[in-house]
Amino acid sequence: MVSRTIHSVGTWLLAMLLCGASGCQINNRTQEIRTEEQMIEVSFENERAEALFLKAVNATFGQERNVRRVGFPGLSVYSRSETIAWNANCNDHLRKMDTNQDRLITEAEAQSYYQSLTTSAGQ
């Protein structure tokens, strides 16, 4: 009986060690938020401004934000995270990029904003 208990405890400890080493999660839920937002209507000065905008949006779309976790980074019993919907992600970038709020994204505004993103990501 004691041998069986030791074997069970050893098996349980081995399973926990493997889960911890591999980043095991028992329950993980991701929810997309701000799905009801409509895209802000803007114009772009030229194709380069639009391309820089799309690069900024694509660089951040789908990034998860961990809202709640029960456990440790390597071993979680429960984890819930959120992603921002496509339109909302675009709107966030447009609001920051359009510095004079005229709904016309100039190449200078797009370049400046994109450089600020790449600079902050590199730090």
C-alpha atoms as a PDB file:
ATOM      1  CA  MET A   1       0.000   0.000   0.000  1.00  0.00           C
ATOM      2  CA  VAL A   2       2.800   2.430   0.940  1.00  0.00           C
ATOM      3  CA  SER A   3       4.666   1.501  -2.232  1.00  0.00           C
ATOM      4  CA  ARG A   4       1.578   2.234  -4.326  1.00  0.00           C
ATOM      5  CA  THR A   5       1.132   5.650  -2.634  1.00  0.00           C
ATOM      6  CA  ILE A   6       4.779   6.562  -3.243  1.00  0.00           C
ATOM      7  CA  HIS A   7       4.416   5.492  -6.883  1.00  0.00           C
ATOM      8  CA  SER A   8       1.264   7.630  -7.284  1.00  0.00           C
ATOM      9  CA  VAL A   9       2.902  10.655  -5.670  1.00  0.00           C
ATOM     10  CA  GLY A  10       5.998  10.163  -7.838  1.00  0.00           C
ATOM     11  CA  THR A  11       3.879   9.951 -10.985  1.00  0.00           C
ATOM     12  CA  TRP A  12       1.963  13.085  -9.975  1.00  0.00           C
ATOM     13  CA  LEU A  13       5.204  14.988  -9.276  1.00  0.00           C
ATOM     14  CA  LEU A  14       6.653  13.885 -12.622  1.00  0.00           C
ATOM     15  CA  ALA A  15       3.494  15.045 -14.424  1.00  0.00           C
ATOM     16  CA  MET A  16       3.621  18.425 -12.659  1.00  0.00           C
ATOM     17  CA  LEU A  17       7.303  18.811 -13.498  1.00  0.00           C
ATOM     18  CA  LEU A  18       6.653  18.053 -17.179  1.00  0.00           C
ATOM     19  CA  CYS A  19       3.732  20.481 -17.258  1.00  0.00           C
ATOM     20  CA  GLY A  20       5.790  23.194 -15.615  1.00  0.00           C
ATOM     21  CA  ALA A  21       8.706  22.674 -17.973  1.00  0.00           C
ATOM     22  CA  SER A  22       6.521  22.779 -21.080  1.00  0.00           C
ATOM     23  CA  GLY A  23       4.214  25.664 -20.091  1.00  0.00           C
ATOM     24  CA  CYS A  24       1.062  23.688 -19.360  1.00  0.00           C
ATOM     25  CA  GLN A  25      -2.325  25.387 -19.060  1.00  0.00           C
ATOM     26  CA  ILE A  26      -5.489  23.611 -18.046  1.00  0.00           C
ATOM     27  CA  ASN A  27      -7.985  26.255 -19.195  1.00  0.00           C
ATOM     28  CA  ASN A  28      -7.123  29.105 -21.561  1.00  0.00           C
ATOM     29  CA  ARG A  29      -9.732  31.508 -22.974  1.00  0.00           C
ATOM     30  CA  THR A  30      -9.144  34.348 -25.429  1.00  0.00           C
ATOM     31  CA  GLN A  31     -11.842  36.892 -26.208  1.00  0.00           C
ATOM     32  CA  GLU A  32     -11.933  39.481 -28.975  1.00  0.00           C
ATOM     33  CA  ILE A  33     -13.055  42.865 -27.620  1.00  0.00           C
ATOM     34  CA  ARG A  34     -14.398  46.072 -29.184  1.00  0.00           C
ATOM     35  CA  THR A  35     -15.895  44.115 -32.086  1.00  0.00           C
ATOM     36  CA  GLU A  36     -18.763  46.600 -32.563  1.00  0.00           C
ATOM     37  CA  GLU A  37     -16.511  49.543 -33.527  1.00  0.00           C
ATOM     38  CA  GLN A  38     -16.890  50.951 -37.006  1.00  0.00           C
ATOM     39  CA  MET A  39     -13.768  51.986 -38.905  1.00  0.00           C
ATOM     40  CA  ILE A  40     -12.999  55.717 -38.801  1.00  0.00           C
ATOM     41  CA  GLU A  41     -13.180  57.158 -42.302  1.00  0.00           C
ATOM     42  CA  VAL A  42      -9.910  58.780 -43.317  1.00  0.00           C
ATOM     43  CA  SER A  43      -8.021  59.576 -46.491  1.00  0.00           C
ATOM     44  CA  PHE A  44      -4.355  59.060 -47.200  1.00  0.00           C
ATOM     45  CA  GLU A  45      -2.144  61.628 -48.882  1.00  0.00           C
ATOM     46  CA  ASN A  46      -0.526  58.930 -51.021  1.00  0.00           C
ATOM     47  CA  GLU A  47       0.146  55.200 -51.275  1.00  0.00           C
ATOM     48  CA  ARG A  48       3.242  55.431 -49.071  1.00  0.00           C
ATOM     49  CA  ALA A  49       1.185  56.880 -46.188  1.00  0.00           C
ATOM     50  CA  GLU A  50      -1.360  54.079 -46.556  1.00  0.00           C
ATOM     51  CA  ALA A  51       1.367  51.426 -46.715  1.00  0.00           C
ATOM     52  CA  LEU A  52       2.971  52.724 -43.505  1.00  0.00           C
ATOM     53  CA  PHE A  53      -0.426  52.703 -41.799  1.00  0.00           C
ATOM     54  CA  LEU A  54      -1.023  49.077 -42.831  1.00  0.00           C
ATOM     55  CA  LYS A  55       2.447  48.073 -41.625  1.00  0.00           C
ATOM     56  CA  ALA A  56       1.696  49.605 -38.212  1.00  0.00           C
ATOM     57  CA  VAL A  57      -1.687  47.884 -37.983  1.00  0.00           C
ATOM     58  CA  ASN A  58      -0.373  44.485 -39.073  1.00  0.00           C
ATOM     59  CA  ALA A  59       2.511  44.712 -36.603  1.00  0.00           C
ATOM     60  CA  THR A  60       0.119  44.942 -33.657  1.00  0.00           C
ATOM     61  CA  PHE A  61      -3.022  43.081 -34.787  1.00  0.00           C
ATOM     62  CA  GLY A  62      -3.766  39.961 -32.789  1.00  0.00           C
ATOM     63  CA  GLN A  63      -1.533  40.786 -29.855  1.00  0.00           C
ATOM     64  CA  GLU A  64      -2.982  39.282 -26.713  1.00  0.00           C
ATOM     65  CA  ARG A  65      -3.273  41.089 -23.427  1.00  0.00           C
ATOM     66  CA  ASN A  66      -3.348  38.796 -20.407  1.00  0.00           C
ATOM     67  CA  VAL A  67      -6.270  39.865 -18.233  1.00  0.00           C
ATOM     68  CA  ARG A  68      -6.287  37.197 -15.568  1.00  0.00           C
ATOM     69  CA  ARG A  69      -4.133  34.230 -14.688  1.00  0.00           C
ATOM     70  CA  VAL A  70      -4.405  31.730 -11.872  1.00  0.00           C
ATOM     71  CA  GLY A  71      -1.090  30.003 -11.427  1.00  0.00           C
ATOM     72  CA  PHE A  72       2.421  30.771 -12.561  1.00  0.00           C
ATOM     73  CA  PRO A  73       3.747  31.690 -16.022  1.00  0.00           C
ATOM     74  CA  GLY A  74       4.887  28.112 -16.670  1.00  0.00           C
ATOM     75  CA  LEU A  75       1.947  26.362 -15.031  1.00  0.00           C
ATOM     76  CA  SER A  76      -1.497  27.920 -15.091  1.00  0.00           C
ATOM     77  CA  VAL A  77      -4.798  26.476 -13.980  1.00  0.00           C
ATOM     78  CA  TYR A  78      -6.758  29.251 -15.703  1.00  0.00           C
ATOM     79  CA  SER A  79      -5.797  32.037 -18.056  1.00  0.00           C
ATOM     80  CA  ARG A  80      -7.958  34.652 -19.806  1.00  0.00           C
ATOM     81  CA  SER A  81      -6.664  37.080 -22.394  1.00  0.00           C
ATOM     82  CA  GLU A  82      -8.098  39.603 -24.828  1.00  0.00           C
ATOM     83  CA  THR A  83      -7.334  40.694 -28.364  1.00  0.00           C
ATOM     84  CA  ILE A  84      -8.589  43.910 -29.940  1.00  0.00           C
ATOM     85  CA  ALA A  85     -10.780  43.571 -33.047  1.00  0.00           C
ATOM     86  CA  TRP A  86      -9.396  44.662 -36.443  1.00  0.00           C
ATOM     87  CA  ASN A  87     -11.457  47.870 -36.757  1.00  0.00           C
ATOM     88  CA  ALA A  88     -10.665  48.932 -33.194  1.00  0.00           C
ATOM     89  CA  ASN A  89      -6.958  48.266 -33.740  1.00  0.00           C
ATOM     90  CA  CYS A  90      -7.049  50.389 -36.928  1.00  0.00           C
ATOM     91  CA  ASN A  91      -8.921  53.166 -35.126  1.00  0.00           C
ATOM     92  CA  ASP A  92      -6.368  53.251 -32.298  1.00  0.00           C
ATOM     93  CA  HIS A  93      -3.560  53.714 -34.827  1.00  0.00           C
ATOM     94  CA  LEU A  94      -5.500  56.290 -36.847  1.00  0.00           C
ATOM     95  CA  ARG A  95      -6.191  58.423 -33.768  1.00  0.00           C
ATOM     96  CA  LYS A  96      -2.508  58.446 -32.852  1.00  0.00           C
ATOM     97  CA  MET A  97      -1.270  58.880 -36.418  1.00  0.00           C
ATOM     98  CA  ASP A  98      -3.570  61.772 -37.390  1.00  0.00           C
ATOM     99  CA  THR A  99      -1.829  64.358 -35.235  1.00  0.00           C
ATOM    100  CA  ASN A 100      -3.869  67.339 -36.451  1.00  0.00           C
ATOM    101  CA  GLN A 101      -7.188  65.414 -36.425  1.00  0.00           C
ATOM    102  CA  ASP A 102      -8.135  66.427 -39.996  1.00  0.00           C
ATOM    103  CA  ARG A 103      -8.819  62.822 -41.113  1.00  0.00           C
ATOM    104  CA  LEU A 104      -6.132  63.085 -43.756  1.00  0.00           C
ATOM    105  CA  ILE A 105      -3.101  60.926 -43.018  1.00  0.00           C
ATOM    106  CA  THR A 106      -0.082  62.572 -44.591  1.00  0.00           C
ATOM    107  CA  GLU A 107       3.091  60.729 -45.432  1.00  0.00           C
ATOM    108  CA  ALA A 108       4.917  62.759 -42.781  1.00  0.00           C
ATOM    109  CA  GLU A 109       2.390  61.771 -40.086  1.00  0.00           C
ATOM    110  CA  ALA A 110       2.517  58.124 -41.122  1.00  0.00           C
ATOM    111  CA  GLN A 111       6.318  58.067 -41.244  1.00  0.00           C
ATOM    112  CA  SER A 112       6.666  59.748 -37.867  1.00  0.00           C
ATOM    113  CA  TYR A 113       4.171  57.425 -36.198  1.00  0.00           C
ATOM    114  CA  TYR A 114       5.619  54.273 -37.762  1.00  0.00           C
ATOM    115  CA  GLN A 115       9.137  55.268 -36.677  1.00  0.00           C
ATOM    116  CA  SER A 116       7.891  55.822 -33.124  1.00  0.00           C
ATOM    117  CA  LEU A 117       6.407  52.316 -33.135  1.00  0.00           C
ATOM    118  CA  THR A 118       9.544  50.634 -34.413  1.00  0.00           C
ATOM    119  CA  THR A 119      11.727  52.627 -32.011  1.00  0.00           C
ATOM    120  CA  SER A 120       9.613  51.687 -28.970  1.00  0.00           C
ATOM    121  CA  ALA A 121       9.442  48.029 -30.073  1.00  0.00           C
ATOM    122  CA  GLY A 122      13.240  47.865 -30.298  1.00  0.00           C
ATOM    123  CA  GLN A 123      13.749  49.063 -26.742  1.00  0.00           C
END
